[in-house]
Structures are given as structure tokens and as C-alpha cells.
Amino acid sequence: MNMVLIGITIFLALLTIVCLYRAYVGPTSADRVVSINVISTKITTLIALLAIITGEDTFVDVSLVYAMIGFIMTVCVAKYIEKGKLF
């Protein structure tokens, strides 16, 4: 079971690198925002998997905070792209 979780973690880390490439190359700013959001979601999942693998419950809290920060970042960047200002 533990080896399966480690394999999934490695696979998600590799997929995160692919999304990072899409964020760098993305032809439009919307592509970049979506890929950064996907990266944030994958990192949140990786932190949660790390919490399961190591048995540390505090990593789950870190994962939830990271998810909230990623959501707020996505909303702010989308609003900036749409209107040209945040406020």
C-alpha cells in the first residue's frame, strides 16, 4: 500500500512538471492561469499524500491552507486579466 502511494506521488510530481511547461509556453494568459491552478491543485494533493505516507496530521492543515491560497490567487489573477485591476 505504501509503495502504491509513493508511486502515485511520483506520478503526480511528473505531471506537475508537465503543467509547469504549459504555464511557460501557454499561448494565452488564460492557459497560463489554468495551468497554474492545476499546479496548485496537484501540489495540494501531493501534500495530502505526504501526510498519509508519513502519518503527520499537520500536513493536512498545510494542504488546506495551500488550497485556499491557490483559490484566492486564481480568482485575483482572473479578475486582473478581465478588468485590468484588482480593486
PDB file of N, CA and C in Angstrom:
ATOM      1  N   MET A   1       0.813  -1.197   0.000  1.00  0.00           N
ATOM      2  CA  MET A   1       0.000   0.000   0.000  1.00  0.00           C
ATOM      3  C   MET A   1       0.853   1.256   0.000  1.00  0.00           C
ATOM      4  N   ASN A   2       1.898   1.251   0.830  1.00  0.00           N
ATOM      5  CA  ASN A   2       2.770   2.410   0.923  1.00  0.00           C
ATOM      6  C   ASN A   2       3.525   2.645  -0.386  1.00  0.00           C
ATOM      7  N   MET A   3       3.917   1.578  -1.059  1.00  0.00           N
ATOM      8  CA  MET A   3       4.621   1.715  -2.337  1.00  0.00           C
ATOM      9  C   MET A   3       3.701   2.274  -3.414  1.00  0.00           C
ATOM     10  N   VAL A   4       2.430   1.935  -3.359  1.00  0.00           N
ATOM     11  CA  VAL A   4       1.464   2.473  -4.319  1.00  0.00           C
ATOM     12  C   VAL A   4       1.318   3.980  -4.122  1.00  0.00           C
ATOM     13  N   LEU A   5       1.232   4.415  -2.882  1.00  0.00           N
ATOM     14  CA  LEU A   5       1.127   5.847  -2.601  1.00  0.00           C
ATOM     15  C   LEU A   5       2.375   6.606  -3.032  1.00  0.00           C
ATOM     16  N   ILE A   6       3.526   6.003  -2.833  1.00  0.00           N
ATOM     17  CA  ILE A   6       4.769   6.638  -3.279  1.00  0.00           C
ATOM     18  C   ILE A   6       4.799   6.726  -4.801  1.00  0.00           C
ATOM     19  N   GLY A   7       4.330   5.698  -5.491  1.00  0.00           N
ATOM     20  CA  GLY A   7       4.260   5.722  -6.951  1.00  0.00           C
ATOM     21  C   GLY A   7       3.309   6.793  -7.455  1.00  0.00           C
ATOM     22  N   ILE A   8       2.160   6.924  -6.813  1.00  0.00           N
ATOM     23  CA  ILE A   8       1.202   7.961  -7.188  1.00  0.00           C
ATOM     24  C   ILE A   8       1.803   9.346  -6.954  1.00  0.00           C
ATOM     25  N   THR A   9       2.534   9.502  -5.865  1.00  0.00           N
ATOM     26  CA  THR A   9       3.169  10.781  -5.562  1.00  0.00           C
ATOM     27  C   THR A   9       4.187  11.150  -6.633  1.00  0.00           C
ATOM     28  N   ILE A  10       5.004  10.203  -7.044  1.00  0.00           N
ATOM     29  CA  ILE A  10       5.992  10.460  -8.100  1.00  0.00           C
ATOM     30  C   ILE A  10       5.301  10.798  -9.414  1.00  0.00           C
ATOM     31  N   PHE A  11       4.231  10.080  -9.734  1.00  0.00           N
ATOM     32  CA  PHE A  11       3.495  10.330 -10.966  1.00  0.00           C
ATOM     33  C   PHE A  11       2.888  11.735 -10.968  1.00  0.00           C
ATOM     34  N   LEU A  12       2.298  12.150  -9.852  1.00  0.00           N
ATOM     35  CA  LEU A  12       1.732  13.497  -9.761  1.00  0.00           C
ATOM     36  C   LEU A  12       2.815  14.574  -9.845  1.00  0.00           C
ATOM     37  N   ALA A  13       3.985  14.296  -9.295  1.00  0.00           N
ATOM     38  CA  ALA A  13       5.084  15.251  -9.389  1.00  0.00           C
ATOM     39  C   ALA A  13       5.524  15.422 -10.843  1.00  0.00           C
ATOM     40  N   LEU A  14       5.565  14.328 -11.587  1.00  0.00           N
ATOM     41  CA  LEU A  14       5.913  14.420 -13.007  1.00  0.00           C
ATOM     42  C   LEU A  14       4.844  15.179 -13.793  1.00  0.00           C
ATOM     43  N   LEU A  15       3.581  14.951 -13.480  1.00  0.00           N
ATOM     44  CA  LEU A  15       2.511  15.689 -14.144  1.00  0.00           C
ATOM     45  C   LEU A  15       2.557  17.176 -13.802  1.00  0.00           C
ATOM     46  N   THR A  16       3.023  17.504 -12.615  1.00  0.00           N
ATOM     47  CA  THR A  16       3.177  18.904 -12.239  1.00  0.00           C
ATOM     48  C   THR A  16       4.230  19.578 -13.106  1.00  0.00           C
ATOM     49  N   ILE A  17       5.285  18.862 -13.430  1.00  0.00           N
ATOM     50  CA  ILE A  17       6.322  19.407 -14.304  1.00  0.00           C
ATOM     51  C   ILE A  17       5.760  19.654 -15.700  1.00  0.00           C
ATOM     52  N   VAL A  18       4.908  18.763 -16.181  1.00  0.00           N
ATOM     53  CA  VAL A  18       4.263  18.955 -17.483  1.00  0.00           C
ATOM     54  C   VAL A  18       3.381  20.207 -17.458  1.00  0.00           C
ATOM     55  N   CYS A  19       2.647  20.414 -16.376  1.00  0.00           N
ATOM     56  CA  CYS A  19       1.810  21.612 -16.253  1.00  0.00           C
ATOM     57  C   CYS A  19       2.662  22.869 -16.162  1.00  0.00           C
ATOM     58  N   LEU A  20       3.823  22.764 -15.545  1.00  0.00           N
ATOM     59  CA  LEU A  20       4.729  23.906 -15.476  1.00  0.00           C
ATOM     60  C   LEU A  20       5.209  24.287 -16.872  1.00  0.00           C
ATOM     61  N   TYR A  21       5.446  23.301 -17.711  1.00  0.00           N
ATOM     62  CA  TYR A  21       5.815  23.567 -19.099  1.00  0.00           C
ATOM     63  C   TYR A  21       4.675  24.289 -19.817  1.00  0.00           C
ATOM     64  N   ARG A  22       3.441  23.866 -19.592  1.00  0.00           N
ATOM     65  CA  ARG A  22       2.289  24.511 -20.231  1.00  0.00           C
ATOM     66  C   ARG A  22       2.141  25.946 -19.738  1.00  0.00           C
ATOM     67  N   ALA A  23       2.447  26.196 -18.475  1.00  0.00           N
ATOM     68  CA  ALA A  23       2.376  27.562 -17.945  1.00  0.00           C
ATOM     69  C   ALA A  23       3.441  28.446 -18.589  1.00  0.00           C
ATOM     70  N   TYR A  24       4.574  27.876 -18.906  1.00  0.00           N
ATOM     71  CA  TYR A  24       5.661  28.641 -19.521  1.00  0.00           C
ATOM     72  C   TYR A  24       5.380  28.912 -20.993  1.00  0.00           C
ATOM     73  N   VAL A  25       4.862  27.918 -21.705  1.00  0.00           N
ATOM     74  CA  VAL A  25       4.672  28.015 -23.149  1.00  0.00           C
ATOM     75  C   VAL A  25       3.304  28.566 -23.524  1.00  0.00           C
ATOM     76  N   GLY A  26       2.312  28.393 -22.664  1.00  0.00           N
ATOM     77  CA  GLY A  26       0.921  28.731 -22.960  1.00  0.00           C
ATOM     78  C   GLY A  26       0.745  29.963 -23.829  1.00  0.00           C
ATOM     79  N   PRO A  27       0.033  29.855 -24.930  1.00  0.00           N
ATOM     80  CA  PRO A  27      -0.065  30.990 -25.849  1.00  0.00           C
ATOM     81  C   PRO A  27      -0.896  32.158 -25.300  1.00  0.00           C
ATOM     82  N   THR A  28      -1.847  31.888 -24.433  1.00  0.00           N
ATOM     83  CA  THR A  28      -2.655  32.976 -23.887  1.00  0.00           C
ATOM     84  C   THR A  28      -2.514  33.017 -22.375  1.00  0.00           C
ATOM     85  N   SER A  29      -2.912  34.126 -21.814  1.00  0.00           N
ATOM     86  CA  SER A  29      -2.829  34.260 -20.361  1.00  0.00           C
ATOM     87  C   SER A  29      -3.838  33.353 -19.661  1.00  0.00           C
ATOM     88  N   ALA A  30      -4.954  33.061 -20.311  1.00  0.00           N
ATOM     89  CA  ALA A  30      -5.934  32.141 -19.714  1.00  0.00           C
ATOM     90  C   ALA A  30      -5.345  30.737 -19.590  1.00  0.00           C
ATOM     91  N   ASP A  31      -4.574  30.301 -20.584  1.00  0.00           N
ATOM     92  CA  ASP A  31      -3.908  28.997 -20.492  1.00  0.00           C
ATOM     93  C   ASP A  31      -2.942  28.963 -19.319  1.00  0.00           C
ATOM     94  N   ARG A  32      -2.253  30.054 -19.116  1.00  0.00           N
ATOM     95  CA  ARG A  32      -1.296  30.118 -18.013  1.00  0.00           C
ATOM     96  C   ARG A  32      -2.002  30.083 -16.659  1.00  0.00           C
ATOM     97  N   VAL A  33      -3.117  30.793 -16.541  1.00  0.00           N
ATOM     98  CA  VAL A  33      -3.862  30.800 -15.280  1.00  0.00           C
ATOM     99  C   VAL A  33      -4.400  29.414 -14.971  1.00  0.00           C
ATOM    100  N   VAL A  34      -4.941  28.740 -15.972  1.00  0.00           N
ATOM    101  CA  VAL A  34      -5.481  27.402 -15.754  1.00  0.00           C
ATOM    102  C   VAL A  34      -4.369  26.435 -15.363  1.00  0.00           C
ATOM    103  N   SER A  35      -3.227  26.523 -16.016  1.00  0.00           N
ATOM    104  CA  SER A  35      -2.139  25.594 -15.677  1.00  0.00           C
ATOM    105  C   SER A  35      -1.580  25.872 -14.287  1.00  0.00           C
ATOM    106  N   ILE A  36      -1.513  27.134 -13.881  1.00  0.00           N
ATOM    107  CA  ILE A  36      -1.069  27.444 -12.516  1.00  0.00           C
ATOM    108  C   ILE A  36      -2.084  26.929 -11.502  1.00  0.00           C
ATOM    109  N   ASN A  37      -3.366  27.015 -11.819  1.00  0.00           N
ATOM    110  CA  ASN A  37      -4.401  26.471 -10.933  1.00  0.00           C
ATOM    111  C   ASN A  37      -4.270  24.951 -10.826  1.00  0.00           C
ATOM    112  N   VAL A  38      -3.990  24.291 -11.932  1.00  0.00           N
ATOM    113  CA  VAL A  38      -3.797  22.835 -11.905  1.00  0.00           C
ATOM    114  C   VAL A  38      -2.568  22.476 -11.073  1.00  0.00           C
ATOM    115  N   ILE A  39      -1.508  23.269 -11.215  1.00  0.00           N
ATOM    116  CA  ILE A  39      -0.303  23.025 -10.423  1.00  0.00           C
ATOM    117  C   ILE A  39      -0.618  23.176  -8.932  1.00  0.00           C
ATOM    118  N   SER A  40      -1.369  24.189  -8.582  1.00  0.00           N
ATOM    119  CA  SER A  40      -1.748  24.398  -7.183  1.00  0.00           C
ATOM    120  C   SER A  40      -2.558  23.220  -6.651  1.00  0.00           C
ATOM    121  N   THR A  41      -3.474  22.719  -7.457  1.00  0.00           N
ATOM    122  CA  THR A  41      -4.283  21.570  -7.041  1.00  0.00           C
ATOM    123  C   THR A  41      -3.423  20.325  -6.880  1.00  0.00           C
ATOM    124  N   LYS A  42      -2.498  20.118  -7.788  1.00  0.00           N
ATOM    125  CA  LYS A  42      -1.616  18.944  -7.696  1.00  0.00           C
ATOM    126  C   LYS A  42      -0.702  19.029  -6.470  1.00  0.00           C
ATOM    127  N   ILE A  43      -0.187  20.208  -6.187  1.00  0.00           N
ATOM    128  CA  ILE A  43       0.670  20.367  -5.011  1.00  0.00           C
ATOM    129  C   ILE A  43      -0.131  20.117  -3.734  1.00  0.00           C
ATOM    130  N   THR A  44      -1.376  20.577  -3.711  1.00  0.00           N
ATOM    131  CA  THR A  44      -2.244  20.314  -2.555  1.00  0.00           C
ATOM    132  C   THR A  44      -2.442  18.814  -2.373  1.00  0.00           C
ATOM    133  N   THR A  45      -2.670  18.115  -3.469  1.00  0.00           N
ATOM    134  CA  THR A  45      -2.827  16.659  -3.410  1.00  0.00           C
ATOM    135  C   THR A  45      -1.533  15.979  -2.980  1.00  0.00           C
ATOM    136  N   LEU A  46      -0.403  16.471  -3.463  1.00  0.00           N
ATOM    137  CA  LEU A  46       0.885  15.896  -3.061  1.00  0.00           C
ATOM    138  C   LEU A  46       1.137  16.072  -1.566  1.00  0.00           C
ATOM    139  N   ILE A  47       0.784  17.225  -1.031  1.00  0.00           N
ATOM    140  CA  ILE A  47       0.957  17.447   0.407  1.00  0.00           C
ATOM    141  C   ILE A  47       0.053  16.513   1.208  1.00  0.00           C
ATOM    142  N   ALA A  48      -1.175  16.314   0.734  1.00  0.00           N
ATOM    143  CA  ALA A  48      -2.092  15.394   1.418  1.00  0.00           C
ATOM    144  C   ALA A  48      -1.571  13.957   1.342  1.00  0.00           C
ATOM    145  N   LEU A  49      -1.033  13.558   0.193  1.00  0.00           N
ATOM    146  CA  LEU A  49      -0.443  12.216   0.084  1.00  0.00           C
ATOM    147  C   LEU A  49       0.765  12.067   0.993  1.00  0.00           C
ATOM    148  N   LEU A  50       1.557  13.117   1.098  1.00  0.00           N
ATOM    149  CA  LEU A  50       2.705  13.084   2.001  1.00  0.00           C
ATOM    150  C   LEU A  50       2.248  12.934   3.449  1.00  0.00           C
ATOM    151  N   ALA A  51       1.125  13.546   3.787  1.00  0.00           N
ATOM    152  CA  ALA A  51       0.573  13.395   5.134  1.00  0.00           C
ATOM    153  C   ALA A  51       0.169  11.952   5.389  1.00  0.00           C
ATOM    154  N   ILE A  52      -0.396  11.293   4.383  1.00  0.00           N
ATOM    155  CA  ILE A  52      -0.803   9.895   4.545  1.00  0.00           C
ATOM    156  C   ILE A  52       0.417   8.995   4.648  1.00  0.00           C
ATOM    157  N   ILE A  53       1.418   9.244   3.805  1.00  0.00           N
ATOM    158  CA  ILE A  53       2.609   8.385   3.786  1.00  0.00           C
ATOM    159  C   ILE A  53       3.390   8.495   5.091  1.00  0.00           C
ATOM    160  N   THR A  54       3.587   9.732   5.584  1.00  0.00           N
ATOM    161  CA  THR A  54       4.394   9.915   6.789  1.00  0.00           C
ATOM    162  C   THR A  54       3.594   9.784   8.081  1.00  0.00           C
ATOM    163  N   GLY A  55       2.273   9.909   8.005  1.00  0.00           N
ATOM    164  CA  GLY A  55       1.454   9.817   9.201  1.00  0.00           C
ATOM    165  C   GLY A  55       1.390  11.104   9.997  1.00  0.00           C
ATOM    166  N   GLU A  56       1.849  12.207   9.418  1.00  0.00           N
ATOM    167  CA  GLU A  56       1.812  13.514  10.080  1.00  0.00           C
ATOM    168  C   GLU A  56       0.476  14.189   9.791  1.00  0.00           C
ATOM    169  N   ASP A  57      -0.299  14.437  10.831  1.00  0.00           N
ATOM    170  CA  ASP A  57      -1.605  15.060  10.651  1.00  0.00           C
ATOM    171  C   ASP A  57      -1.512  16.554  10.342  1.00  0.00           C
ATOM    172  N   THR A  58      -0.409  17.172  10.714  1.00  0.00           N
ATOM    173  CA  THR A  58      -0.285  18.618  10.498  1.00  0.00           C
ATOM    174  C   THR A  58      -0.157  18.959   9.018  1.00  0.00           C
ATOM    175  N   PHE A  59       0.302  18.018   8.193  1.00  0.00           N
ATOM    176  CA  PHE A  59       0.413  18.276   6.762  1.00  0.00           C
ATOM    177  C   PHE A  59      -0.950  18.475   6.119  1.00  0.00           C
ATOM    178  N   VAL A  60      -1.991  17.909   6.698  1.00  0.00           N
ATOM    179  CA  VAL A  60      -3.338  18.094   6.165  1.00  0.00           C
ATOM    180  C   VAL A  60      -3.758  19.551   6.330  1.00  0.00           C
ATOM    181  N   ASP A  61      -3.421  20.151   7.449  1.00  0.00           N
ATOM    182  CA  ASP A  61      -3.717  21.565   7.660  1.00  0.00           C
ATOM    183  C   ASP A  61      -2.957  22.434   6.660  1.00  0.00           C
ATOM    184  N   VAL A  62      -1.704  22.095   6.439  1.00  0.00           N
ATOM    185  CA  VAL A  62      -0.902  22.823   5.460  1.00  0.00           C
ATOM    186  C   VAL A  62      -1.516  22.692   4.070  1.00  0.00           C
ATOM    187  N   SER A  63      -1.997  21.513   3.749  1.00  0.00           N
ATOM    188  CA  SER A  63      -2.627  21.275   2.455  1.00  0.00           C
ATOM    189  C   SER A  63      -3.883  22.122   2.283  1.00  0.00           C
ATOM    190  N   LEU A  64      -4.695  22.225   3.321  1.00  0.00           N
ATOM    191  CA  LEU A  64      -5.909  23.036   3.238  1.00  0.00           C
ATOM    192  C   LEU A  64      -5.595  24.517   3.083  1.00  0.00           C
ATOM    193  N   VAL A  65      -4.605  25.007   3.801  1.00  0.00           N
ATOM    194  CA  VAL A  65      -4.208  26.410   3.674  1.00  0.00           C
ATOM    195  C   VAL A  65      -3.668  26.675   2.277  1.00  0.00           C
ATOM    196  N   TYR A  66      -2.873  25.754   1.753  1.00  0.00           N
ATOM    197  CA  TYR A  66      -2.325  25.910   0.400  1.00  0.00           C
ATOM    198  C   TYR A  66      -3.443  25.923  -0.639  1.00  0.00           C
ATOM    199  N   ALA A  67      -4.473  25.108  -0.439  1.00  0.00           N
ATOM    200  CA  ALA A  67      -5.609  25.088  -1.362  1.00  0.00           C
ATOM    201  C   ALA A  67      -6.354  26.414  -1.339  1.00  0.00           C
ATOM    202  N   MET A  68      -6.540  26.983  -0.156  1.00  0.00           N
ATOM    203  CA  MET A  68      -7.225  28.274  -0.057  1.00  0.00           C
ATOM    204  C   MET A  68      -6.414  29.386  -0.710  1.00  0.00           C
ATOM    205  N   ILE A  69      -5.111  29.386  -0.495  1.00  0.00           N
ATOM    206  CA  ILE A  69      -4.253  30.394  -1.112  1.00  0.00           C
ATOM    207  C   ILE A  69      -4.280  30.251  -2.632  1.00  0.00           C
ATOM    208  N   GLY A  70      -4.254  29.019  -3.131  1.00  0.00           N
ATOM    209  CA  GLY A  70      -4.315  28.792  -4.568  1.00  0.00           C
ATOM    210  C   GLY A  70      -5.617  29.264  -5.174  1.00  0.00           C
ATOM    211  N   PHE A  71      -6.717  29.053  -4.476  1.00  0.00           N
ATOM    212  CA  PHE A  71      -8.014  29.515  -4.967  1.00  0.00           C
ATOM    213  C   PHE A  71      -8.076  31.032  -5.019  1.00  0.00           C
ATOM    214  N   ILE A  72      -7.629  31.684  -3.953  1.00  0.00           N
ATOM    215  CA  ILE A  72      -7.647  33.147  -3.916  1.00  0.00           C
ATOM    216  C   ILE A  72      -6.748  33.719  -5.005  1.00  0.00           C
ATOM    217  N   MET A  73      -5.590  33.102  -5.224  1.00  0.00           N
ATOM    218  CA  MET A  73      -4.683  33.554  -6.270  1.00  0.00           C
ATOM    219  C   MET A  73      -5.336  33.437  -7.644  1.00  0.00           C
ATOM    220  N   THR A  74      -6.024  32.341  -7.902  1.00  0.00           N
ATOM    221  CA  THR A  74      -6.668  32.148  -9.192  1.00  0.00           C
ATOM    222  C   THR A  74      -7.768  33.179  -9.420  1.00  0.00           C
ATOM    223  N   VAL A  75      -8.560  33.450  -8.411  1.00  0.00           N
ATOM    224  CA  VAL A  75      -9.629  34.444  -8.536  1.00  0.00           C
ATOM    225  C   VAL A  75      -9.037  35.827  -8.774  1.00  0.00           C
ATOM    226  N   CYS A  76      -7.991  36.186  -8.060  1.00  0.00           N
ATOM    227  CA  CYS A  76      -7.382  37.506  -8.225  1.00  0.00           C
ATOM    228  C   CYS A  76      -6.758  37.671  -9.611  1.00  0.00           C
ATOM    229  N   VAL A  77      -6.056  36.677 -10.082  1.00  0.00           N
ATOM    230  CA  VAL A  77      -5.434  36.767 -11.405  1.00  0.00           C
ATOM    231  C   VAL A  77      -6.495  36.806 -12.497  1.00  0.00           C
ATOM    232  N   ALA A  78      -7.562  36.024 -12.359  1.00  0.00           N
ATOM    233  CA  ALA A  78      -8.639  36.053 -13.349  1.00  0.00           C
ATOM    234  C   ALA A  78      -9.317  37.426 -13.373  1.00  0.00           C
ATOM    235  N   LYS A  79      -9.523  38.022 -12.208  1.00  0.00           N
ATOM    236  CA  LYS A  79     -10.121  39.349 -12.150  1.00  0.00           C
ATOM    237  C   LYS A  79      -9.191  40.389 -12.761  1.00  0.00           C
ATOM    238  N   TYR A  80      -7.897  40.263 -12.517  1.00  0.00           N
ATOM    239  CA  TYR A  80      -6.923  41.190 -13.090  1.00  0.00           C
ATOM    240  C   TYR A  80      -6.887  41.076 -14.611  1.00  0.00           C
ATOM    241  N   ILE A  81      -6.965  39.866 -15.128  1.00  0.00           N
ATOM    242  CA  ILE A  81      -6.962  39.680 -16.575  1.00  0.00           C
ATOM    243  C   ILE A  81      -8.229  40.256 -17.196  1.00  0.00           C
ATOM    244  N   GLU A  82      -9.348  40.072 -16.523  1.00  0.00           N
ATOM    245  CA  GLU A  82     -10.624  40.530 -17.071  1.00  0.00           C
ATOM    246  C   GLU A  82     -10.782  42.056 -17.027  1.00  0.00           C
ATOM    247  N   LYS A  83     -10.432  42.666 -15.880  1.00  0.00           N
ATOM    248  CA  LYS A  83     -10.707  44.094 -15.701  1.00  0.00           C
ATOM    249  C   LYS A  83      -9.465  44.973 -15.772  1.00  0.00           C
ATOM    250  N   GLY A  84      -8.287  44.403 -15.614  1.00  0.00           N
ATOM    251  CA  GLY A  84      -7.075  45.192 -15.637  1.00  0.00           C
ATOM    252  C   GLY A  84      -6.663  45.777 -14.300  1.00  0.00           C
ATOM    253  N   LYS A  85      -7.469  45.534 -13.270  1.00  0.00           N
ATOM    254  CA  LYS A  85      -7.135  45.991 -11.916  1.00  0.00           C
ATOM    255  C   LYS A  85      -7.810  45.059 -10.916  1.00  0.00           C
ATOM    256  N   LEU A  86      -7.307  45.054  -9.688  1.00  0.00           N
ATOM    257  CA  LEU A  86      -7.850  44.156  -8.678  1.00  0.00           C
ATOM    258  C   LEU A  86      -8.979  44.782  -7.880  1.00  0.00           C
ATOM    259  N   PHE A  87      -8.960  46.086  -7.698  1.00  0.00           N
ATOM    260  CA  PHE A  87      -9.972  46.733  -6.868  1.00  0.00           C
ATOM    261  C   PHE A  87     -10.861  47.633  -7.681  1.00  0.00           C
TER     262      PHE A  87
END
